[in-house]
Amino acid sequence: MVYRGKLLRVNEDEVCLPDGATARRETIVHPRAAVIIPLLDSGEVLLERQYRYSVRRHFYELPAGKIEFNENPLTTAKRELREETGYF
């Protein structure tokens, strides 16, 4: 493990390639998340505008969020849709 934060962890491993050589690979371990694609009656897709600190700008994204302990992914997706857009 290279890094452990509140939300995610970064691992670095040595892997064997098909030709027998080795290489280093980094992986990010993130808790489960759910995303929903809200399609309106008009056929439009509902997006939300979110500021992302890492790139210091706004993005348009689908509503999504971390799945809480013992939560069904569909329940998570519906909750995030309601919280982030006001739709349900």
Protein backbone atom coordinates (compact mmCIF):
# COMPACT_ATOMS: atom_id res chain seq x y z
CA MET A 1 0.00 0.00 0.00
CA VAL A 2 1.39 3.38 -1.07
CA TYR A 3 -1.34 5.61 0.35
CA ARG A 4 -4.42 5.23 2.56
CA GLY A 5 -6.91 8.08 2.82
CA LYS A 6 -10.39 8.50 4.23
CA LEU A 7 -12.08 7.41 0.99
CA LEU A 8 -9.57 5.41 -1.02
CA ARG A 9 -6.32 3.50 -1.00
CA VAL A 10 -3.50 3.30 -3.56
CA ASN A 11 -1.59 0.06 -4.01
CA GLU A 12 1.55 -0.57 -6.03
CA ASP A 13 2.33 -4.10 -7.18
CA GLU A 14 4.95 -5.83 -9.25
CA VAL A 15 3.40 -7.90 -12.04
CA CYS A 16 4.74 -10.46 -14.46
CA LEU A 17 4.16 -9.58 -18.11
CA PRO A 18 3.42 -12.17 -20.84
CA ASP A 19 7.02 -11.93 -22.09
CA GLY A 20 8.36 -12.77 -18.61
CA ALA A 21 9.46 -9.22 -17.79
CA THR A 22 8.16 -7.50 -14.67
CA ALA A 23 6.54 -4.09 -14.33
CA ARG A 24 5.02 -1.96 -11.58
CA ARG A 25 1.28 -1.26 -11.58
CA GLU A 26 -0.65 1.17 -9.41
CA THR A 27 -4.27 0.53 -8.52
CA ILE A 28 -6.82 2.67 -6.71
CA VAL A 29 -9.13 0.85 -4.33
CA HIS A 30 -12.39 2.76 -3.89
CA PRO A 31 -15.52 1.76 -1.98
CA ARG A 32 -18.43 0.73 -4.15
CA ALA A 33 -20.39 3.46 -5.91
CA ALA A 34 -23.56 3.72 -7.96
CA VAL A 35 -24.45 5.94 -10.91
CA ILE A 36 -27.81 6.63 -12.53
CA ILE A 37 -28.64 7.89 -16.03
CA PRO A 38 -31.76 10.03 -15.56
CA LEU A 39 -33.67 10.14 -18.84
CA LEU A 40 -36.42 12.78 -18.91
CA ASP A 41 -39.73 12.35 -20.74
CA SER A 42 -38.36 14.75 -23.38
CA GLY A 43 -35.54 12.29 -24.13
CA GLU A 44 -32.91 14.55 -22.57
CA VAL A 45 -30.38 13.22 -20.06
CA LEU A 46 -30.26 15.08 -16.75
CA LEU A 47 -26.73 16.06 -15.70
CA GLU A 48 -25.46 17.95 -12.70
CA ARG A 49 -22.78 20.61 -12.60
CA GLN A 50 -20.07 19.82 -10.04
CA TYR A 51 -16.90 21.68 -9.11
CA ARG A 52 -13.90 19.36 -8.96
CA TYR A 53 -11.04 20.66 -6.84
CA SER A 54 -8.38 18.44 -8.45
CA VAL A 55 -8.75 20.19 -11.81
CA ARG A 56 -10.17 23.45 -10.42
CA ARG A 57 -13.15 23.64 -12.73
CA HIS A 58 -16.75 22.59 -13.12
CA PHE A 59 -17.85 19.42 -14.91
CA TYR A 60 -21.21 18.09 -16.03
CA GLU A 61 -21.70 14.63 -14.58
CA LEU A 62 -24.27 11.93 -14.04
CA PRO A 63 -25.58 11.71 -10.47
CA ALA A 64 -23.51 9.18 -8.53
CA GLY A 65 -22.28 8.43 -5.05
CA LYS A 66 -20.76 6.00 -2.60
CA ILE A 67 -22.85 3.00 -1.59
CA GLU A 68 -23.43 3.05 2.16
CA PHE A 69 -22.92 -0.08 4.28
CA ASN A 70 -25.57 -2.72 3.41
CA GLU A 71 -27.25 -0.36 0.92
CA ASN A 72 -28.68 -1.64 -2.35
CA PRO A 73 -27.02 0.06 -5.38
CA LEU A 74 -30.42 1.07 -6.81
CA THR A 75 -31.30 2.71 -3.49
CA THR A 76 -27.99 4.58 -3.63
CA ALA A 77 -28.61 5.74 -7.20
CA LYS A 78 -32.10 7.00 -6.36
CA ARG A 79 -30.80 8.79 -3.23
CA GLU A 80 -28.03 10.48 -5.19
CA LEU A 81 -30.47 11.54 -7.92
CA ARG A 82 -32.71 13.17 -5.31
CA GLU A 83 -29.85 14.76 -3.32
CA GLU A 84 -27.92 16.09 -6.31
CA THR A 85 -30.69 17.13 -8.69
CA GLY A 86 -33.94 17.29 -6.73
CA TYR A 87 -35.57 14.71 -9.02
CA PHE A 88 -36.95 11.43 -7.72
